[in-house]
C-alpha atoms as a PDB file:
ATOM      1  CA  MET A   1       5.657 -54.278-146.129  1.00  0.00           C
ATOM      2  CA  PRO A   2       8.061 -52.338-143.750  1.00  0.00           C
ATOM      3  CA  VAL A   3       8.016 -53.894-140.031  1.00  0.00           C
ATOM      4  CA  PRO A   4       8.944 -52.262-136.420  1.00  0.00           C
ATOM      5  CA  GLY A   5      12.363 -51.629-136.555  1.00  0.00           C
ATOM      6  CA  ASP A   6      13.354 -51.861-140.365  1.00  0.00           C
ATOM      7  CA  SER A   7      15.883 -49.848-141.072  1.00  0.00           C
ATOM      8  CA  GLY A   8      14.045 -47.477-142.979  1.00  0.00           C
ATOM      9  CA  GLU A   9      15.186 -48.015-146.484  1.00  0.00           C
ATOM     10  CA  SER A  10      11.754 -49.614-147.724  1.00  0.00           C
ATOM     11  CA  MET A  11      10.114 -46.517-146.318  1.00  0.00           C
ATOM     12  CA  THR A  12       8.604 -43.840-147.982  1.00  0.00           C
ATOM     13  CA  ILE A  13       9.804 -40.184-147.717  1.00  0.00           C
ATOM     14  CA  ARG A  14       6.908 -38.347-148.516  1.00  0.00           C
ATOM     15  CA  PRO A  15       4.849 -34.478-147.653  1.00  0.00           C
ATOM     16  CA  VAL A  16       2.807 -35.011-144.438  1.00  0.00           C
ATOM     17  CA  THR A  17      -0.706 -35.354-145.748  1.00  0.00           C
ATOM     18  CA  ARG A  18      -4.415 -34.799-143.401  1.00  0.00           C
ATOM     19  CA  SER A  19      -4.942 -38.403-143.059  1.00  0.00           C
ATOM     20  CA  ASP A  20      -1.185 -38.442-141.142  1.00  0.00           C
ATOM     21  CA  ARG A  21      -2.764 -35.924-138.403  1.00  0.00           C
ATOM     22  CA  ASP A  22      -3.151 -38.189-135.740  1.00  0.00           C
ATOM     23  CA  GLU A  23       0.465 -40.024-136.478  1.00  0.00           C
ATOM     24  CA  TRP A  24       2.356 -36.767-136.771  1.00  0.00           C
ATOM     25  CA  ALA A  25       0.822 -35.530-133.425  1.00  0.00           C
ATOM     26  CA  ARG A  26       1.567 -38.505-131.277  1.00  0.00           C
ATOM     27  CA  MET A  27       5.639 -37.992-132.664  1.00  0.00           C
ATOM     28  CA  ARG A  28       5.050 -34.349-132.045  1.00  0.00           C
ATOM     29  CA  GLU A  29       4.193 -34.963-128.692  1.00  0.00           C
ATOM     30  CA  ALA A  30       6.836 -37.563-128.088  1.00  0.00           C
ATOM     31  CA  LEU A  31       9.511 -34.455-129.492  1.00  0.00           C
ATOM     32  CA  PHE A  32       7.686 -31.188-127.786  1.00  0.00           C
ATOM     33  CA  PRO A  33       5.942 -30.589-124.438  1.00  0.00           C
ATOM     34  CA  ASP A  34       2.400 -29.545-124.500  1.00  0.00           C
ATOM     35  CA  PRO A  35       2.759 -29.779-128.723  1.00  0.00           C
ATOM     36  CA  PRO A  36      -0.636 -27.538-129.733  1.00  0.00           C
ATOM     37  CA  ILE A  37      -2.890 -29.826-132.178  1.00  0.00           C
ATOM     38  CA  ALA A  38      -4.028 -26.831-133.234  1.00  0.00           C
ATOM     39  CA  GLU A  39      -1.317 -25.788-134.893  1.00  0.00           C
ATOM     40  CA  ILE A  40      -1.243 -29.396-136.788  1.00  0.00           C
ATOM     41  CA  ASP A  41      -4.535 -28.564-137.772  1.00  0.00           C
ATOM     42  CA  GLU A  42      -3.492 -24.920-138.789  1.00  0.00           C
ATOM     43  CA  TRP A  43      -0.675 -26.270-141.104  1.00  0.00           C
ATOM     44  CA  LEU A  44      -3.137 -29.045-142.951  1.00  0.00           C
ATOM     45  CA  ASP A  45      -5.731 -26.343-143.461  1.00  0.00           C
ATOM     46  CA  ALA A  46      -3.386 -24.002-144.871  1.00  0.00           C
ATOM     47  CA  THR A  47      -1.511 -26.603-147.143  1.00  0.00           C
ATOM     48  CA  ALA A  48      -5.059 -28.241-148.262  1.00  0.00           C
ATOM     49  CA  ALA A  49      -6.141 -24.916-149.683  1.00  0.00           C
ATOM     50  CA  GLY A  50      -2.712 -24.725-151.595  1.00  0.00           C
ATOM     51  CA  GLY A  51      -1.030 -22.437-149.208  1.00  0.00           C
ATOM     52  CA  THR A  52       2.032 -23.219-146.847  1.00  0.00           C
ATOM     53  CA  HIS A  53       2.233 -23.116-143.456  1.00  0.00           C
ATOM     54  CA  PRO A  54       1.787 -19.625-141.917  1.00  0.00           C
ATOM     55  CA  VAL A  55       5.517 -19.577-141.288  1.00  0.00           C
ATOM     56  CA  GLY A  56       6.420 -21.324-144.665  1.00  0.00           C
ATOM     57  CA  VAL A  57       7.500 -24.367-142.628  1.00  0.00           C
ATOM     58  CA  ALA A  58       7.563 -27.735-145.240  1.00  0.00           C
ATOM     59  CA  VAL A  59       6.544 -30.906-143.389  1.00  0.00           C
ATOM     60  CA  PHE A  60       8.115 -34.781-144.420  1.00  0.00           C
ATOM     61  CA  VAL A  61       7.299 -38.245-142.925  1.00  0.00           C
ATOM     62  CA  ALA A  62       8.047 -41.747-142.663  1.00  0.00           C
ATOM     63  CA  ASP A  63       5.552 -43.817-143.843  1.00  0.00           C
ATOM     64  CA  ARG A  64       5.680 -47.130-142.941  1.00  0.00           C
ATOM     65  CA  GLY A  65       3.398 -48.702-145.418  1.00  0.00           C
ATOM     66  CA  ASN A  66       0.952 -50.147-142.739  1.00  0.00           C
ATOM     67  CA  GLY A  67      -1.095 -46.718-142.088  1.00  0.00           C
ATOM     68  CA  SER A  68       1.410 -45.885-139.480  1.00  0.00           C
ATOM     69  CA  LEU A  69       4.559 -43.172-139.680  1.00  0.00           C
ATOM     70  CA  ALA A  70       7.976 -43.471-138.134  1.00  0.00           C
ATOM     71  CA  GLY A  71       9.188 -40.119-138.186  1.00  0.00           C
ATOM     72  CA  PHE A  72       9.046 -36.889-139.468  1.00  0.00           C
ATOM     73  CA  VAL A  73      11.170 -33.706-140.422  1.00  0.00           C
ATOM     74  CA  GLU A  74       9.950 -29.800-140.190  1.00  0.00           C
ATOM     75  CA  ILE A  75      11.826 -27.691-142.580  1.00  0.00           C
ATOM     76  CA  GLY A  76      11.270 -23.810-142.261  1.00  0.00           C
ATOM     77  CA  SER A  77      13.313 -20.751-142.252  1.00  0.00           C
ATOM     78  CA  ARG A  78      14.404 -17.794-139.994  1.00  0.00           C
ATOM     79  CA  ASN A  79      15.607 -14.641-140.514  1.00  0.00           C
ATOM     80  CA  TYR A  80      18.911 -15.399-138.246  1.00  0.00           C
ATOM     81  CA  ALA A  81      20.325 -18.477-136.728  1.00  0.00           C
ATOM     82  CA  GLU A  82      23.513 -18.778-134.671  1.00  0.00           C
ATOM     83  CA  GLY A  83      26.917 -19.231-136.623  1.00  0.00           C
ATOM     84  CA  CYS A  84      24.960 -18.832-140.070  1.00  0.00           C
ATOM     85  CA  ASN A  85      26.362 -16.125-142.374  1.00  0.00           C
ATOM     86  CA  THR A  86      23.628 -15.758-144.431  1.00  0.00           C
ATOM     87  CA  SER A  87      19.880 -14.583-144.192  1.00  0.00           C
ATOM     88  CA  PRO A  88      17.454 -15.829-144.111  1.00  0.00           C
ATOM     89  CA  VAL A  89      18.449 -19.657-143.379  1.00  0.00           C
ATOM     90  CA  ALA A  90      16.688 -23.066-143.499  1.00  0.00           C
ATOM     91  CA  TYR A  91      15.938 -23.914-140.115  1.00  0.00           C
ATOM     92  CA  LEU A  92      15.542 -27.555-139.107  1.00  0.00           C
ATOM     93  CA  GLU A  93      11.953 -26.543-136.617  1.00  0.00           C
ATOM     94  CA  GLY A  94      11.330 -30.510-135.440  1.00  0.00           C
ATOM     95  CA  TRP A  95      12.964 -33.852-136.404  1.00  0.00           C
ATOM     96  CA  TYR A  96      11.751 -37.306-135.099  1.00  0.00           C
ATOM     97  CA  VAL A  97      12.274 -40.934-135.604  1.00  0.00           C
ATOM     98  CA  ASP A  98      10.353 -43.183-133.609  1.00  0.00           C
ATOM     99  CA  PRO A  99      12.732 -45.379-130.904  1.00  0.00           C
ATOM    100  CA  ASP A 100      12.159 -48.658-132.915  1.00  0.00           C
ATOM    101  CA  ALA A 101      13.081 -47.020-136.227  1.00  0.00           C
ATOM    102  CA  ARG A 102      16.603 -45.271-135.057  1.00  0.00           C
ATOM    103  CA  ARG A 103      20.042 -46.274-135.955  1.00  0.00           C
ATOM    104  CA  GLY A 104      19.239 -47.437-139.469  1.00  0.00           C
ATOM    105  CA  GLY A 105      19.626 -44.642-141.489  1.00  0.00           C
ATOM    106  CA  LEU A 106      16.222 -43.280-141.701  1.00  0.00           C
ATOM    107  CA  GLY A 107      16.859 -39.973-139.586  1.00  0.00           C
ATOM    108  CA  ARG A 108      19.531 -39.193-141.864  1.00  0.00           C
ATOM    109  CA  ARG A 109      16.855 -40.157-144.996  1.00  0.00           C
ATOM    110  CA  LEU A 110      14.676 -37.578-143.301  1.00  0.00           C
ATOM    111  CA  GLN A 111      17.231 -34.828-142.538  1.00  0.00           C
ATOM    112  CA  ARG A 112      18.688 -35.430-146.819  1.00  0.00           C
ATOM    113  CA  THR A 113      15.208 -34.693-147.719  1.00  0.00           C
ATOM    114  CA  ALA A 114      14.961 -31.186-145.354  1.00  0.00           C
ATOM    115  CA  GLU A 115      18.343 -30.139-147.257  1.00  0.00           C
ATOM    116  CA  ASP A 116      16.843 -31.039-150.344  1.00  0.00           C
ATOM    117  CA  TRP A 117      13.841 -28.543-149.738  1.00  0.00           C
ATOM    118  CA  ALA A 118      16.558 -25.918-148.391  1.00  0.00           C
ATOM    119  CA  ARG A 119      18.433 -26.173-151.427  1.00  0.00           C
ATOM    120  CA  ALA A 120      15.797 -26.239-153.836  1.00  0.00           C
ATOM    121  CA  ASN A 121      14.261 -23.170-152.255  1.00  0.00           C
ATOM    122  CA  GLY A 122      17.285 -21.111-152.636  1.00  0.00           C
ATOM    123  CA  PHE A 123      19.241 -21.793-148.751  1.00  0.00           C
ATOM    124  CA  THR A 124      22.715 -21.934-148.462  1.00  0.00           C
ATOM    125  CA  GLU A 125      22.872 -22.758-144.754  1.00  0.00           C
ATOM    126  CA  MET A 126      20.810 -24.944-142.515  1.00  0.00           C
ATOM    127  CA  ALA A 127      20.778 -24.490-139.040  1.00  0.00           C
ATOM    128  CA  SER A 128      18.965 -26.351-135.992  1.00  0.00           C
ATOM    129  CA  ASP A 129      19.169 -26.567-132.344  1.00  0.00           C
ATOM    130  CA  ALA A 130      18.831 -29.244-129.558  1.00  0.00           C
ATOM    131  CA  GLU A 131      18.792 -28.838-125.686  1.00  0.00           C
ATOM    132  CA  LEU A 132      21.527 -29.479-123.807  1.00  0.00           C
ATOM    133  CA  HIS A 133      20.698 -32.509-122.266  1.00  0.00           C
ATOM    134  CA  ASN A 134      19.128 -34.505-125.211  1.00  0.00           C
ATOM    135  CA  ASP A 135      22.693 -36.734-126.209  1.00  0.00           C
ATOM    136  CA  VAL A 136      20.838 -38.464-128.494  1.00  0.00           C
ATOM    137  CA  SER A 137      19.671 -35.238-130.861  1.00  0.00           C
ATOM    138  CA  LEU A 138      23.324 -34.117-130.172  1.00  0.00           C
ATOM    139  CA  GLY A 139      24.882 -36.777-131.749  1.00  0.00           C
ATOM    140  CA  ALA A 140      22.784 -37.282-134.646  1.00  0.00           C
ATOM    141  CA  HIS A 141      23.154 -33.823-135.872  1.00  0.00           C
ATOM    142  CA  LEU A 142      26.834 -34.277-135.287  1.00  0.00           C
ATOM    143  CA  SER A 143      26.607 -37.032-137.108  1.00  0.00           C
ATOM    144  CA  LEU A 144      25.166 -35.565-140.214  1.00  0.00           C
ATOM    145  CA  GLY A 145      27.817 -32.809-140.646  1.00  0.00           C
ATOM    146  CA  PHE A 146      26.039 -29.644-138.103  1.00  0.00           C
ATOM    147  CA  GLU A 147      28.651 -27.545-136.480  1.00  0.00           C
ATOM    148  CA  GLU A 148      27.796 -26.961-132.954  1.00  0.00           C
ATOM    149  CA  VAL A 149      28.705 -23.310-132.836  1.00  0.00           C
ATOM    150  CA  GLU A 150      26.762 -22.145-129.512  1.00  0.00           C
ATOM    151  CA  ARG A 151      25.442 -23.291-125.984  1.00  0.00           C
ATOM    152  CA  GLN A 152      23.016 -21.616-124.011  1.00  0.00           C
ATOM    153  CA  VAL A 153      20.708 -21.378-121.120  1.00  0.00           C
ATOM    154  CA  CYS A 154      17.720 -19.533-121.266  1.00  0.00           C
ATOM    155  CA  PHE A 155      16.204 -18.120-118.559  1.00  0.00           C
ATOM    156  CA  ARG A 156      12.640 -16.870-117.162  1.00  0.00           C
ATOM    157  CA  LYS A 157      11.018 -14.573-114.417  1.00  0.00           C
ATOM    158  CA  SER A 158       7.355 -14.164-114.011  1.00  0.00           C
ATOM    159  CA  LEU A 159       6.565 -10.439-113.423  1.00  0.00           C
ATOM    160  CA  PHE A 160       3.617 -11.224-111.735  1.00  0.00           C
ATOM    161  CA  LEU A 161       4.439 -12.987-108.246  1.00  0.00           C
END
């Protein structure tokens, strides 16, 4: 049975299920600021009914084998992605590995699962993004063969002061 800090080789990568809801939500909260739990419930309801998430996102999780998860990858598609030559393009919407399970190949296994999904669905390119200050994510993307194509700073201005 895998233990915390396991290299990830013995963990099973599989599609997310309803019983993973709380663990998936925990990891999404660590990755995204203010992640809406309603989005997880919407996705689980749609897939339980035999469909897919409204935007066609597939979710795979790393199962520790003890009732908890160690990571996830969310892969979908977008009509456009910077630096890509095809449309639509597979897009890595979310990718997370718990800190105790990092640097052992689990992130690579999750990424390869997303690539397999993309190929099986006819995509020839995959895109992703990371925040400029997230050196861990930037390094992980580069180590897995992603090429940096653009840096940007986004702005917002409220029109109601």
